[in-house]
Amino acid sequence: MRIGELSRLAGVSVRALRYYEEEGLIRPARSGNGYRDYCEGADEVVRQIRGLIDCGLPTRIIRDILPYLDGPVDLLPPVPCAQMLDQVAAEREQLDRRIHCLVRNRNALDAYLKAARRAAGDWA
């Protein structure tokens, strides 16, 4: 598929796709006329990349871990780099903090909606 179609399917801009390519996160084939040609399933990969970026992971870490996220376990490196493990662990801790904050905010919104709906029912 061409870049415009992938952009629509994955819900990201063409510019973002070009950036992901520059960062080595995706590697489209090139057709005879030089157009990018993305394989089937590229939209899922792009959505996964977008989700990781939205979670705050830097592209340098995403580039390193992306091949292992959906592949068989035997793809994992036999001896992971200690620095990479530390970086991924730190990113995971940061993600846990964000999740905790999001859950707290969701609970506060739920409480507000419950109270507001109760008050609105009292006025009706």
C-alpha atoms as a PDB file:
ATOM      1  CA  MET A   1       0.000   0.000   0.000  1.00  0.00           C
ATOM      2  CA  ARG A   2       1.146   3.551  -0.546  1.00  0.00           C
ATOM      3  CA  ILE A   3       1.871   6.120   2.149  1.00  0.00           C
ATOM      4  CA  GLY A   4      -1.467   7.949   1.869  1.00  0.00           C
ATOM      5  CA  GLU A   5      -3.447   4.757   2.356  1.00  0.00           C
ATOM      6  CA  LEU A   6      -1.321   3.744   5.346  1.00  0.00           C
ATOM      7  CA  SER A   7      -1.793   7.216   6.801  1.00  0.00           C
ATOM      8  CA  ARG A   8      -5.574   6.834   6.597  1.00  0.00           C
ATOM      9  CA  LEU A   9      -5.625   3.264   7.927  1.00  0.00           C
ATOM     10  CA  ALA A  10      -3.296   3.943  10.850  1.00  0.00           C
ATOM     11  CA  GLY A  11      -4.706   7.364  11.684  1.00  0.00           C
ATOM     12  CA  VAL A  12      -1.362   9.170  11.545  1.00  0.00           C
ATOM     13  CA  SER A  13      -0.086  11.875   9.245  1.00  0.00           C
ATOM     14  CA  VAL A  14       2.090  11.222   6.222  1.00  0.00           C
ATOM     15  CA  ARG A  15       4.696  13.393   7.921  1.00  0.00           C
ATOM     16  CA  ALA A  16       4.660  11.074  10.958  1.00  0.00           C
ATOM     17  CA  LEU A  17       5.179   8.053   8.706  1.00  0.00           C
ATOM     18  CA  ARG A  18       8.160   9.719   7.077  1.00  0.00           C
ATOM     19  CA  TYR A  19       9.557  10.512  10.523  1.00  0.00           C
ATOM     20  CA  TYR A  20       9.110   6.885  11.631  1.00  0.00           C
ATOM     21  CA  GLU A  21      10.995   5.841   8.515  1.00  0.00           C
ATOM     22  CA  GLU A  22      13.808   8.337   9.229  1.00  0.00           C
ATOM     23  CA  GLU A  23      14.059   6.947  12.760  1.00  0.00           C
ATOM     24  CA  GLY A  24      14.274   3.368  11.463  1.00  0.00           C
ATOM     25  CA  LEU A  25      10.971   2.318  13.007  1.00  0.00           C
ATOM     26  CA  ILE A  26       9.413   1.271   9.703  1.00  0.00           C
ATOM     27  CA  ARG A  27      11.096   0.231   6.475  1.00  0.00           C
ATOM     28  CA  PRO A  28       8.889   0.367   3.421  1.00  0.00           C
ATOM     29  CA  ALA A  29       9.921  -1.209   0.156  1.00  0.00           C
ATOM     30  CA  ARG A  30      10.284   1.057  -2.861  1.00  0.00           C
ATOM     31  CA  SER A  31       8.475   0.483  -6.127  1.00  0.00           C
ATOM     32  CA  GLY A  32      10.123   1.042  -9.493  1.00  0.00           C
ATOM     33  CA  ASN A  33       9.022   4.676  -9.535  1.00  0.00           C
ATOM     34  CA  GLY A  34      10.444   5.276  -6.037  1.00  0.00           C
ATOM     35  CA  TYR A  35       7.113   5.328  -4.202  1.00  0.00           C
ATOM     36  CA  ARG A  36       7.025   3.819  -0.739  1.00  0.00           C
ATOM     37  CA  ASP A  37       5.266   0.450  -0.663  1.00  0.00           C
ATOM     38  CA  TYR A  38       4.074  -0.743   2.732  1.00  0.00           C
ATOM     39  CA  CYS A  39       3.207  -4.370   3.398  1.00  0.00           C
ATOM     40  CA  GLU A  40      -0.049  -5.672   4.798  1.00  0.00           C
ATOM     41  CA  GLY A  41      -0.172  -5.195   8.552  1.00  0.00           C
ATOM     42  CA  ALA A  42       1.935  -2.026   8.480  1.00  0.00           C
ATOM     43  CA  ASP A  43      -1.013  -0.115   9.937  1.00  0.00           C
ATOM     44  CA  GLU A  44      -0.909  -2.279  13.086  1.00  0.00           C
ATOM     45  CA  VAL A  45       2.823  -1.675  13.465  1.00  0.00           C
ATOM     46  CA  VAL A  46       2.311   2.073  13.045  1.00  0.00           C
ATOM     47  CA  ARG A  47      -0.485   2.097  15.636  1.00  0.00           C
ATOM     48  CA  GLN A  48       1.795   0.229  18.032  1.00  0.00           C
ATOM     49  CA  ILE A  49       4.592   2.746  17.410  1.00  0.00           C
ATOM     50  CA  ARG A  50       2.163   5.628  17.935  1.00  0.00           C
ATOM     51  CA  GLY A  51       0.962   4.075  21.186  1.00  0.00           C
ATOM     52  CA  LEU A  52       4.505   3.680  22.480  1.00  0.00           C
ATOM     53  CA  ILE A  53       5.330   7.270  21.555  1.00  0.00           C
ATOM     54  CA  ASP A  54       2.114   8.451  23.217  1.00  0.00           C
ATOM     55  CA  CYS A  55       3.243   6.599  26.354  1.00  0.00           C
ATOM     56  CA  GLY A  56       6.416   8.651  26.321  1.00  0.00           C
ATOM     57  CA  LEU A  57       8.922   6.115  25.058  1.00  0.00           C
ATOM     58  CA  PRO A  58      11.682   7.692  22.990  1.00  0.00           C
ATOM     59  CA  THR A  59      12.106   6.447  19.424  1.00  0.00           C
ATOM     60  CA  ARG A  60      15.614   5.129  20.210  1.00  0.00           C
ATOM     61  CA  ILE A  61      14.106   2.631  22.674  1.00  0.00           C
ATOM     62  CA  ILE A  62      11.134   1.852  20.447  1.00  0.00           C
ATOM     63  CA  ARG A  63      13.539   1.061  17.596  1.00  0.00           C
ATOM     64  CA  ASP A  64      15.367  -1.442  19.795  1.00  0.00           C
ATOM     65  CA  ILE A  65      12.357  -3.193  21.332  1.00  0.00           C
ATOM     66  CA  LEU A  66       9.910  -3.109  18.401  1.00  0.00           C
ATOM     67  CA  PRO A  67      11.175  -6.320  16.766  1.00  0.00           C
ATOM     68  CA  TYR A  68      10.507  -8.233  19.997  1.00  0.00           C
ATOM     69  CA  LEU A  69       7.037  -6.962  20.839  1.00  0.00           C
ATOM     70  CA  ASP A  70       5.044  -9.295  18.618  1.00  0.00           C
ATOM     71  CA  GLY A  71       7.655 -11.813  17.619  1.00  0.00           C
ATOM     72  CA  PRO A  72       8.363 -15.240  19.027  1.00  0.00           C
ATOM     73  CA  VAL A  73      10.263 -15.359  22.307  1.00  0.00           C
ATOM     74  CA  ASP A  74      13.270 -16.929  20.580  1.00  0.00           C
ATOM     75  CA  LEU A  75      13.861 -13.565  18.870  1.00  0.00           C
ATOM     76  CA  LEU A  76      14.834 -12.018  22.199  1.00  0.00           C
ATOM     77  CA  PRO A  77      18.551 -11.341  22.539  1.00  0.00           C
ATOM     78  CA  PRO A  78      20.330 -14.101  24.485  1.00  0.00           C
ATOM     79  CA  VAL A  79      22.215 -11.569  26.633  1.00  0.00           C
ATOM     80  CA  PRO A  80      20.388  -8.244  26.832  1.00  0.00           C
ATOM     81  CA  CYS A  81      22.479  -5.115  27.232  1.00  0.00           C
ATOM     82  CA  ALA A  82      22.414  -3.951  30.879  1.00  0.00           C
ATOM     83  CA  GLN A  83      22.067  -0.305  29.864  1.00  0.00           C
ATOM     84  CA  MET A  84      19.101  -1.126  27.639  1.00  0.00           C
ATOM     85  CA  LEU A  85      17.462  -3.085  30.456  1.00  0.00           C
ATOM     86  CA  ASP A  86      17.909  -0.133  32.795  1.00  0.00           C
ATOM     87  CA  GLN A  87      16.428   2.269  30.233  1.00  0.00           C
ATOM     88  CA  VAL A  88      13.437   0.045  29.522  1.00  0.00           C
ATOM     89  CA  ALA A  89      12.870  -0.500  33.254  1.00  0.00           C
ATOM     90  CA  ALA A  90      12.961   3.269  33.848  1.00  0.00           C
ATOM     91  CA  GLU A  91      10.488   3.839  31.012  1.00  0.00           C
ATOM     92  CA  ARG A  92       8.226   1.144  32.459  1.00  0.00           C
ATOM     93  CA  GLU A  93       8.301   2.800  35.884  1.00  0.00           C
ATOM     94  CA  GLN A  94       7.412   6.117  34.291  1.00  0.00           C
ATOM     95  CA  LEU A  95       4.581   4.422  32.399  1.00  0.00           C
ATOM     96  CA  ASP A  96       3.302   2.925  35.670  1.00  0.00           C
ATOM     97  CA  ARG A  97       3.265   6.412  37.213  1.00  0.00           C
ATOM     98  CA  ARG A  98       1.314   7.744  34.247  1.00  0.00           C
ATOM     99  CA  ILE A  99      -1.156   4.868  34.438  1.00  0.00           C
ATOM    100  CA  HIS A 100      -1.671   5.548  38.161  1.00  0.00           C
ATOM    101  CA  CYS A 101      -2.278   9.234  37.415  1.00  0.00           C
ATOM    102  CA  LEU A 102      -4.685   8.412  34.563  1.00  0.00           C
ATOM    103  CA  VAL A 103      -6.652   6.008  36.755  1.00  0.00           C
ATOM    104  CA  ARG A 104      -6.828   8.617  39.529  1.00  0.00           C
ATOM    105  CA  ASN A 105      -8.054  11.228  37.031  1.00  0.00           C
ATOM    106  CA  ARG A 106     -10.594   8.815  35.545  1.00  0.00           C
ATOM    107  CA  ASN A 107     -11.913   8.041  39.020  1.00  0.00           C
ATOM    108  CA  ALA A 108     -12.231  11.755  39.781  1.00  0.00           C
ATOM    109  CA  LEU A 109     -14.165  12.273  36.527  1.00  0.00           C
ATOM    110  CA  ASP A 110     -16.406   9.318  37.366  1.00  0.00           C
ATOM    111  CA  ALA A 111     -17.131  10.814  40.785  1.00  0.00           C
ATOM    112  CA  TYR A 112     -17.901  14.187  39.226  1.00  0.00           C
ATOM    113  CA  LEU A 113     -20.211  12.673  36.610  1.00  0.00           C
ATOM    114  CA  LYS A 114     -22.040  10.635  39.228  1.00  0.00           C
ATOM    115  CA  ALA A 115     -22.580  13.686  41.420  1.00  0.00           C
ATOM    116  CA  ALA A 116     -23.497  15.915  38.476  1.00  0.00           C
ATOM    117  CA  ARG A 117     -26.003  13.399  37.112  1.00  0.00           C
ATOM    118  CA  ARG A 118     -27.536  12.994  40.544  1.00  0.00           C
ATOM    119  CA  ALA A 119     -27.842  16.784  40.871  1.00  0.00           C
ATOM    120  CA  ALA A 120     -29.268  17.062  37.352  1.00  0.00           C
ATOM    121  CA  GLY A 121     -31.867  14.399  38.239  1.00  0.00           C
ATOM    122  CA  ASP A 122     -32.808  16.379  41.324  1.00  0.00           C
ATOM    123  CA  TRP A 123     -33.442  19.470  39.168  1.00  0.00           C
ATOM    124  CA  ALA A 124     -35.549  17.723  36.575  1.00  0.00           C
END
